[in-house]
Amino acid sequence: MRDKKADILVSGRDLFSSKGFKDTNVSDITKMAGIGVGTFYNYYASKEKLFLELFLEENAKLKRSIMETVDLNDEPLKLIKQLMLLNINGMNSNPILSEWYNRDVFDKVELLYREENGNNNVDFIYGSFSEIIKKWQAEGKMRDDIDCDLIMAFFISLINMDTHKEEIGIQHFPHILDYLADFILKGLTDYKK
């Protein structure tokens, strides 16, 4: 007996990767999977739910890959810059994750995630990185007078800047991102108590 859910996942991944979220519809997915539209809805309430599952899976793979690549004992400035670069490159090279940069898609995915997991639970983006921040705070390598969640929000803001590079000015964007990362990290690591 075929695993219909697996067929839907494979078809969804293939179509979202090749056509994008907007241009993929449920009937395309079911046709490729060799199932009826009604069968799709036995497993997923919408194409957004399927996309969210695939997005979270791809995001988790990227985060695991990044964490296996870096030296967690590096100094904060070096490690955070490396984490950000690997994250941006990984998202840009993965067609499902690159939908992050499509505001309409991301807004739908984020809204769905928040509906299912609550407004305060957005660890699907950077969950394991916060453990590094807490470790540095305990070791005195990073400010401990600023909440870890707020520090993570600084880094998330830097990553999200990539979605606004045209507004910032593409010619300035890489330099602005580097300088802002330096300023934020120095402010979080070079401080007087």
C-alpha atoms as a PDB file:
ATOM      1  CA  MET A   1       0.000   0.000   0.000  1.00  0.00           C
ATOM      2  CA  ARG A   2       1.323   3.449  -0.980  1.00  0.00           C
ATOM      3  CA  ASP A   3       2.014   6.107   1.593  1.00  0.00           C
ATOM      4  CA  LYS A   4      -0.255   8.831   0.235  1.00  0.00           C
ATOM      5  CA  LYS A   5       0.966  11.453   2.695  1.00  0.00           C
ATOM      6  CA  ALA A   6       4.563  10.822   1.584  1.00  0.00           C
ATOM      7  CA  ASP A   7       3.447  11.148  -2.046  1.00  0.00           C
ATOM      8  CA  ILE A   8       1.810  14.488  -1.234  1.00  0.00           C
ATOM      9  CA  LEU A   9       4.957  15.691   0.528  1.00  0.00           C
ATOM     10  CA  VAL A  10       7.213  14.691  -2.365  1.00  0.00           C
ATOM     11  CA  SER A  11       4.899  16.243  -4.950  1.00  0.00           C
ATOM     12  CA  GLY A  12       4.438  19.386  -2.883  1.00  0.00           C
ATOM     13  CA  ARG A  13       8.190  19.763  -2.381  1.00  0.00           C
ATOM     14  CA  ASP A  14       8.841  19.295  -6.105  1.00  0.00           C
ATOM     15  CA  LEU A  15       6.138  21.746  -7.190  1.00  0.00           C
ATOM     16  CA  PHE A  16       6.814  24.411  -4.561  1.00  0.00           C
ATOM     17  CA  SER A  17      10.500  24.175  -5.486  1.00  0.00           C
ATOM     18  CA  SER A  18       9.962  24.457  -9.227  1.00  0.00           C
ATOM     19  CA  LYS A  19       6.887  26.725  -9.462  1.00  0.00           C
ATOM     20  CA  GLY A  20       6.861  28.548  -6.141  1.00  0.00           C
ATOM     21  CA  PHE A  21       4.084  28.754  -3.585  1.00  0.00           C
ATOM     22  CA  LYS A  22       1.805  31.120  -5.474  1.00  0.00           C
ATOM     23  CA  ASP A  23       1.847  29.167  -8.754  1.00  0.00           C
ATOM     24  CA  THR A  24       1.307  25.772  -7.147  1.00  0.00           C
ATOM     25  CA  ASN A  25      -2.241  24.648  -6.435  1.00  0.00           C
ATOM     26  CA  VAL A  26      -3.746  21.609  -4.756  1.00  0.00           C
ATOM     27  CA  SER A  27      -4.849  20.051  -8.031  1.00  0.00           C
ATOM     28  CA  ASP A  28      -1.247  20.217  -9.351  1.00  0.00           C
ATOM     29  CA  ILE A  29      -0.035  18.457  -6.220  1.00  0.00           C
ATOM     30  CA  THR A  30      -2.701  15.743  -6.322  1.00  0.00           C
ATOM     31  CA  LYS A  31      -2.186  15.129 -10.022  1.00  0.00           C
ATOM     32  CA  MET A  32       1.552  14.648  -9.526  1.00  0.00           C
ATOM     33  CA  ALA A  33       0.928  12.469  -6.450  1.00  0.00           C
ATOM     34  CA  GLY A  34      -1.601  10.341  -8.333  1.00  0.00           C
ATOM     35  CA  ILE A  35      -4.381  10.914  -5.809  1.00  0.00           C
ATOM     36  CA  GLY A  36      -7.732  12.683  -5.748  1.00  0.00           C
ATOM     37  CA  VAL A  37      -8.170  16.200  -4.404  1.00  0.00           C
ATOM     38  CA  GLY A  38     -10.381  14.858  -1.608  1.00  0.00           C
ATOM     39  CA  THR A  39      -7.551  12.577  -0.478  1.00  0.00           C
ATOM     40  CA  PHE A  40      -5.261  15.621  -0.169  1.00  0.00           C
ATOM     41  CA  TYR A  41      -7.710  17.172   2.290  1.00  0.00           C
ATOM     42  CA  ASN A  42      -7.648  14.018   4.412  1.00  0.00           C
ATOM     43  CA  TYR A  43      -4.041  14.943   5.226  1.00  0.00           C
ATOM     44  CA  TYR A  44      -3.874  18.740   4.894  1.00  0.00           C
ATOM     45  CA  ALA A  45      -6.512  21.418   5.395  1.00  0.00           C
ATOM     46  CA  SER A  46      -4.884  23.633   2.743  1.00  0.00           C
ATOM     47  CA  LYS A  47      -1.844  24.083   0.562  1.00  0.00           C
ATOM     48  CA  GLU A  48      -0.607  26.554   3.214  1.00  0.00           C
ATOM     49  CA  LYS A  49      -0.572  23.738   5.803  1.00  0.00           C
ATOM     50  CA  LEU A  50       1.412  21.510   3.453  1.00  0.00           C
ATOM     51  CA  PHE A  51       3.812  24.341   2.643  1.00  0.00           C
ATOM     52  CA  LEU A  52       4.269  25.117   6.351  1.00  0.00           C
ATOM     53  CA  GLU A  53       5.175  21.492   7.068  1.00  0.00           C
ATOM     54  CA  LEU A  54       7.705  21.482   4.220  1.00  0.00           C
ATOM     55  CA  PHE A  55       9.058  24.906   5.227  1.00  0.00           C
ATOM     56  CA  LEU A  56       9.583  23.795   8.835  1.00  0.00           C
ATOM     57  CA  GLU A  57      11.260  20.576   7.690  1.00  0.00           C
ATOM     58  CA  GLU A  58      13.607  22.402   5.315  1.00  0.00           C
ATOM     59  CA  ASN A  59      14.315  25.064   7.943  1.00  0.00           C
ATOM     60  CA  ALA A  60      15.191  22.418  10.539  1.00  0.00           C
ATOM     61  CA  LYS A  61      17.542  20.710   8.047  1.00  0.00           C
ATOM     62  CA  LEU A  62      19.273  24.005   7.323  1.00  0.00           C
ATOM     63  CA  LYS A  63      19.672  24.819  11.013  1.00  0.00           C
ATOM     64  CA  ARG A  64      21.092  21.335  11.758  1.00  0.00           C
ATOM     65  CA  SER A  65      23.505  21.679   8.854  1.00  0.00           C
ATOM     66  CA  ILE A  66      24.628  25.096  10.049  1.00  0.00           C
ATOM     67  CA  MET A  67      25.113  23.927  13.632  1.00  0.00           C
ATOM     68  CA  GLU A  68      27.200  20.967  12.418  1.00  0.00           C
ATOM     69  CA  THR A  69      29.350  23.291  10.271  1.00  0.00           C
ATOM     70  CA  VAL A  70      30.341  25.947  12.796  1.00  0.00           C
ATOM     71  CA  ASP A  71      32.673  25.867  15.777  1.00  0.00           C
ATOM     72  CA  LEU A  72      30.459  26.780  18.723  1.00  0.00           C
ATOM     73  CA  ASN A  73      33.550  27.743  20.715  1.00  0.00           C
ATOM     74  CA  ASP A  74      34.430  30.612  18.364  1.00  0.00           C
ATOM     75  CA  GLU A  75      34.186  34.118  19.729  1.00  0.00           C
ATOM     76  CA  PRO A  76      30.695  35.637  19.484  1.00  0.00           C
ATOM     77  CA  LEU A  77      31.495  38.177  16.739  1.00  0.00           C
ATOM     78  CA  LYS A  78      33.013  35.571  14.438  1.00  0.00           C
ATOM     79  CA  LEU A  79      30.382  32.907  15.147  1.00  0.00           C
ATOM     80  CA  ILE A  80      27.331  35.159  14.761  1.00  0.00           C
ATOM     81  CA  LYS A  81      28.598  36.542  11.450  1.00  0.00           C
ATOM     82  CA  GLN A  82      29.230  33.000  10.228  1.00  0.00           C
ATOM     83  CA  LEU A  83      25.787  31.835  11.400  1.00  0.00           C
ATOM     84  CA  MET A  84      24.099  34.748   9.645  1.00  0.00           C
ATOM     85  CA  LEU A  85      26.011  34.221   6.407  1.00  0.00           C
ATOM     86  CA  LEU A  86      25.332  30.478   6.358  1.00  0.00           C
ATOM     87  CA  ASN A  87      21.667  31.100   7.136  1.00  0.00           C
ATOM     88  CA  ILE A  88      21.214  33.690   4.372  1.00  0.00           C
ATOM     89  CA  ASN A  89      23.107  31.554   1.828  1.00  0.00           C
ATOM     90  CA  GLY A  90      21.156  28.440   2.821  1.00  0.00           C
ATOM     91  CA  MET A  91      17.823  30.199   2.522  1.00  0.00           C
ATOM     92  CA  ASN A  92      18.730  31.738  -0.822  1.00  0.00           C
ATOM     93  CA  SER A  93      19.813  28.373  -2.246  1.00  0.00           C
ATOM     94  CA  ASN A  94      16.706  26.452  -1.131  1.00  0.00           C
ATOM     95  CA  PRO A  95      13.619  27.247  -3.253  1.00  0.00           C
ATOM     96  CA  ILE A  96      11.195  26.499  -0.420  1.00  0.00           C
ATOM     97  CA  LEU A  97      13.108  28.523   2.156  1.00  0.00           C
ATOM     98  CA  SER A  98      13.662  31.345  -0.310  1.00  0.00           C
ATOM     99  CA  GLU A  99       9.900  31.915  -0.227  1.00  0.00           C
ATOM    100  CA  TRP A 100      10.773  33.645   3.089  1.00  0.00           C
ATOM    101  CA  TYR A 101      11.699  36.633   0.940  1.00  0.00           C
ATOM    102  CA  ASN A 102       8.236  36.686  -0.642  1.00  0.00           C
ATOM    103  CA  ARG A 103       6.387  38.774   1.947  1.00  0.00           C
ATOM    104  CA  ASP A 104       2.947  37.449   0.958  1.00  0.00           C
ATOM    105  CA  VAL A 105       4.037  33.847   1.416  1.00  0.00           C
ATOM    106  CA  PHE A 106       5.954  34.488   4.622  1.00  0.00           C
ATOM    107  CA  ASP A 107       3.075  36.446   6.133  1.00  0.00           C
ATOM    108  CA  LYS A 108       0.701  33.515   5.445  1.00  0.00           C
ATOM    109  CA  VAL A 109       3.139  30.927   6.785  1.00  0.00           C
ATOM    110  CA  GLU A 110       3.986  32.963   9.874  1.00  0.00           C
ATOM    111  CA  LEU A 111       0.292  33.646  10.588  1.00  0.00           C
ATOM    112  CA  LEU A 112      -0.545  29.951  10.265  1.00  0.00           C
ATOM    113  CA  TYR A 113       2.377  29.015  12.513  1.00  0.00           C
ATOM    114  CA  ARG A 114       1.347  31.571  15.130  1.00  0.00           C
ATOM    115  CA  GLU A 115      -2.267  30.355  15.025  1.00  0.00           C
ATOM    116  CA  GLU A 116      -1.111  26.808  15.716  1.00  0.00           C
ATOM    117  CA  ASN A 117       1.708  27.529  18.166  1.00  0.00           C
ATOM    118  CA  GLY A 118       0.904  30.876  19.778  1.00  0.00           C
ATOM    119  CA  ASN A 119       2.204  34.372  19.225  1.00  0.00           C
ATOM    120  CA  ASN A 120       5.223  34.006  21.475  1.00  0.00           C
ATOM    121  CA  ASN A 121       6.510  30.805  19.910  1.00  0.00           C
ATOM    122  CA  VAL A 122       8.490  31.586  16.774  1.00  0.00           C
ATOM    123  CA  ASP A 123      11.426  29.272  17.444  1.00  0.00           C
ATOM    124  CA  PHE A 124      10.867  27.703  14.045  1.00  0.00           C
ATOM    125  CA  ILE A 125      13.232  30.341  12.712  1.00  0.00           C
ATOM    126  CA  TYR A 126      16.171  30.422  15.120  1.00  0.00           C
ATOM    127  CA  GLY A 127      15.412  28.173  18.091  1.00  0.00           C
ATOM    128  CA  SER A 128      18.804  26.558  18.727  1.00  0.00           C
ATOM    129  CA  PHE A 129      20.729  29.819  18.326  1.00  0.00           C
ATOM    130  CA  SER A 130      19.228  31.188  21.542  1.00  0.00           C
ATOM    131  CA  GLU A 131      21.019  28.442  23.507  1.00  0.00           C
ATOM    132  CA  ILE A 132      24.335  29.831  22.260  1.00  0.00           C
ATOM    133  CA  ILE A 133      23.344  33.324  23.431  1.00  0.00           C
ATOM    134  CA  LYS A 134      22.434  31.995  26.896  1.00  0.00           C
ATOM    135  CA  LYS A 135      25.773  30.167  27.084  1.00  0.00           C
ATOM    136  CA  TRP A 136      27.690  33.349  26.188  1.00  0.00           C
ATOM    137  CA  GLN A 137      25.707  35.314  28.741  1.00  0.00           C
ATOM    138  CA  ALA A 138      26.580  32.761  31.439  1.00  0.00           C
ATOM    139  CA  GLU A 139      30.263  32.904  30.418  1.00  0.00           C
ATOM    140  CA  GLY A 140      30.313  36.722  30.480  1.00  0.00           C
ATOM    141  CA  LYS A 141      30.979  36.934  26.724  1.00  0.00           C
ATOM    142  CA  MET A 142      27.695  38.715  26.048  1.00  0.00           C
ATOM    143  CA  ARG A 143      25.577  41.168  27.977  1.00  0.00           C
ATOM    144  CA  ASP A 144      23.358  39.483  30.514  1.00  0.00           C
ATOM    145  CA  ASP A 145      21.383  42.645  31.304  1.00  0.00           C
ATOM    146  CA  ILE A 146      19.506  42.230  28.006  1.00  0.00           C
ATOM    147  CA  ASP A 147      16.986  39.419  27.691  1.00  0.00           C
ATOM    148  CA  CYS A 148      18.042  36.581  25.374  1.00  0.00           C
ATOM    149  CA  ASP A 149      14.827  36.974  23.353  1.00  0.00           C
ATOM    150  CA  LEU A 150      15.624  40.642  22.723  1.00  0.00           C
ATOM    151  CA  ILE A 151      19.160  39.747  21.627  1.00  0.00           C
ATOM    152  CA  MET A 152      17.680  37.179  19.245  1.00  0.00           C
ATOM    153  CA  ALA A 153      15.361  39.912  17.928  1.00  0.00           C
ATOM    154  CA  PHE A 154      18.448  41.988  17.020  1.00  0.00           C
ATOM    155  CA  PHE A 155      19.796  39.096  14.958  1.00  0.00           C
ATOM    156  CA  ILE A 156      16.408  38.333  13.401  1.00  0.00           C
ATOM    157  CA  SER A 157      16.183  42.009  12.412  1.00  0.00           C
ATOM    158  CA  LEU A 158      19.533  41.733  10.645  1.00  0.00           C
ATOM    159  CA  ILE A 159      18.430  38.625   8.758  1.00  0.00           C
ATOM    160  CA  ASN A 160      15.129  40.274   7.839  1.00  0.00           C
ATOM    161  CA  MET A 161      16.965  43.246   6.363  1.00  0.00           C
ATOM    162  CA  ASP A 162      17.697  41.006   3.389  1.00  0.00           C
ATOM    163  CA  THR A 163      14.026  41.244   2.444  1.00  0.00           C
ATOM    164  CA  HIS A 164      14.382  45.031   2.169  1.00  0.00           C
ATOM    165  CA  LYS A 165      17.681  45.365   0.313  1.00  0.00           C
ATOM    166  CA  GLU A 166      16.041  47.071  -2.689  1.00  0.00           C
ATOM    167  CA  GLU A 167      14.541  49.709  -0.398  1.00  0.00           C
ATOM    168  CA  ILE A 168      17.860  50.191   1.405  1.00  0.00           C
ATOM    169  CA  GLY A 169      19.779  50.291  -1.853  1.00  0.00           C
ATOM    170  CA  ILE A 170      21.406  47.187  -3.279  1.00  0.00           C
ATOM    171  CA  GLN A 171      24.679  49.056  -3.804  1.00  0.00           C
ATOM    172  CA  HIS A 172      24.862  49.781  -0.040  1.00  0.00           C
ATOM    173  CA  PHE A 173      23.189  46.688   1.333  1.00  0.00           C
ATOM    174  CA  PRO A 174      26.103  44.294   1.960  1.00  0.00           C
ATOM    175  CA  HIS A 175      28.135  47.019   3.662  1.00  0.00           C
ATOM    176  CA  ILE A 176      25.222  48.193   5.788  1.00  0.00           C
ATOM    177  CA  LEU A 177      24.520  44.628   6.899  1.00  0.00           C
ATOM    178  CA  ASP A 178      28.181  44.081   7.834  1.00  0.00           C
ATOM    179  CA  TYR A 179      28.440  47.359   9.732  1.00  0.00           C
ATOM    180  CA  LEU A 180      25.150  46.878  11.571  1.00  0.00           C
ATOM    181  CA  ALA A 181      26.181  43.351  12.551  1.00  0.00           C
ATOM    182  CA  ASP A 182      29.487  44.727  13.850  1.00  0.00           C
ATOM    183  CA  PHE A 183      27.780  47.551  15.748  1.00  0.00           C
ATOM    184  CA  ILE A 184      25.209  45.243  17.331  1.00  0.00           C
ATOM    185  CA  LEU A 185      27.723  42.566  18.248  1.00  0.00           C
ATOM    186  CA  LYS A 186      30.208  45.057  19.686  1.00  0.00           C
ATOM    187  CA  GLY A 187      27.398  46.622  21.685  1.00  0.00           C
ATOM    188  CA  LEU A 188      26.459  43.191  23.022  1.00  0.00           C
ATOM    189  CA  THR A 189      29.998  42.015  23.758  1.00  0.00           C
ATOM    190  CA  ASP A 190      32.120  45.119  24.492  1.00  0.00           C
ATOM    191  CA  TYR A 191      30.300  46.670  27.423  1.00  0.00           C
ATOM    192  CA  LYS A 192      31.036  47.914  30.909  1.00  0.00           C
ATOM    193  CA  LYS A 193      28.966  46.689  33.828  1.00  0.00           C
END
